[in-house]
Amino acid sequence: MLILWAIIIGLVLGALYNLITNSHDGADLIVEMLLGIAGSLVGGFVARSFFVSQLLYANVIGAVVLLAVYWLMVSRKTK
């Protein structure tokens, strides 16, 4: 059940990232949603490794961090 929540959180945050950055390409949306899922799963895994009870927050933080790193890489590439 926790994995399902991590996937849902990642999808939502990836879609929100796509809306915020005004990426209107369909391929970008898929990549950003997959990055959101990956970040959410990694955040949850790290939180469980350290016995953190607030996994929802860890999933959100993991997805946001991974999407922020992606944004930094893409913004440097376009300059």
Protein backbone atom coordinates (compact mmCIF):
# COMPACT_ATOMS: atom_id res chain seq x y z
CA MET A 1 0.00 0.00 0.00
CA LEU A 2 2.88 2.36 0.71
CA ILE A 3 4.28 1.80 -2.77
CA LEU A 4 0.91 2.70 -4.27
CA TRP A 5 0.87 5.98 -2.32
CA ALA A 6 4.43 6.70 -3.44
CA ILE A 7 3.44 6.19 -7.07
CA ILE A 8 0.39 8.43 -6.74
CA ILE A 9 2.41 11.16 -5.02
CA GLY A 10 5.10 10.94 -7.68
CA LEU A 11 2.57 11.18 -10.52
CA VAL A 12 0.87 14.20 -8.99
CA LEU A 13 4.10 16.04 -8.23
CA GLY A 14 5.49 15.27 -11.69
CA ALA A 15 2.33 16.67 -13.29
CA LEU A 16 2.47 19.76 -11.06
CA TYR A 17 6.10 20.29 -12.02
CA ASN A 18 5.09 20.09 -15.67
CA LEU A 19 2.39 22.71 -15.15
CA ILE A 20 4.69 25.04 -13.20
CA THR A 21 7.53 24.89 -15.74
CA ASN A 22 5.16 25.25 -18.73
CA SER A 23 6.53 22.18 -20.48
CA HIS A 24 3.89 21.37 -23.07
CA ASP A 25 5.67 18.45 -24.68
CA GLY A 26 4.07 15.07 -23.98
CA ALA A 27 7.44 13.37 -23.63
CA ASP A 28 8.47 15.86 -20.95
CA LEU A 29 5.32 15.10 -18.98
CA ILE A 30 6.06 11.38 -18.97
CA VAL A 31 9.71 11.91 -17.97
CA GLU A 32 8.75 14.31 -15.19
CA MET A 33 6.09 11.95 -13.84
CA LEU A 34 8.56 9.06 -13.88
CA LEU A 35 11.11 11.22 -12.07
CA GLY A 36 8.46 12.12 -9.51
CA ILE A 37 7.70 8.43 -8.94
CA ALA A 38 11.39 7.57 -8.64
CA GLY A 39 12.03 10.39 -6.18
CA SER A 40 9.00 9.44 -4.13
CA LEU A 41 10.07 5.80 -3.94
CA VAL A 42 13.64 6.72 -3.01
CA GLY A 43 12.44 9.18 -0.36
CA GLY A 44 10.20 6.53 1.16
CA PHE A 45 12.98 3.95 1.09
CA VAL A 46 15.42 6.30 2.81
CA ALA A 47 12.82 7.20 5.45
CA ARG A 48 12.10 3.53 6.16
CA SER A 49 15.84 2.88 6.43
CA PHE A 50 16.10 5.47 9.20
CA PHE A 51 12.84 4.32 10.86
CA VAL A 52 11.03 7.59 10.15
CA SER A 53 7.31 7.29 10.77
CA GLN A 54 6.23 10.14 8.46
CA LEU A 55 6.63 8.34 5.14
CA LEU A 56 4.21 10.64 3.31
CA TYR A 57 6.41 13.65 3.95
CA ALA A 58 9.51 11.70 2.96
CA ASN A 59 7.87 10.68 -0.33
CA VAL A 60 7.01 14.29 -1.13
CA ILE A 61 10.47 15.54 -0.18
CA GLY A 62 12.17 12.83 -2.25
CA ALA A 63 10.10 13.66 -5.33
CA VAL A 64 10.66 17.40 -4.95
CA VAL A 65 14.42 16.96 -4.52
CA LEU A 66 14.76 14.74 -7.59
CA LEU A 67 12.63 17.09 -9.71
CA ALA A 68 14.71 20.07 -8.48
CA VAL A 69 17.92 18.31 -9.51
CA TYR A 70 16.35 17.58 -12.90
CA TRP A 71 15.35 21.26 -13.24
CA LEU A 72 18.91 22.37 -12.45
CA MET A 73 20.33 20.00 -15.07
CA VAL A 74 17.84 21.09 -17.74
CA SER A 75 18.25 24.81 -17.01
CA ARG A 76 22.04 24.59 -17.30
CA LYS A 77 21.72 22.70 -20.57
CA THR A 78 19.65 25.44 -22.20
CA LYS A 79 22.06 28.28 -21.28
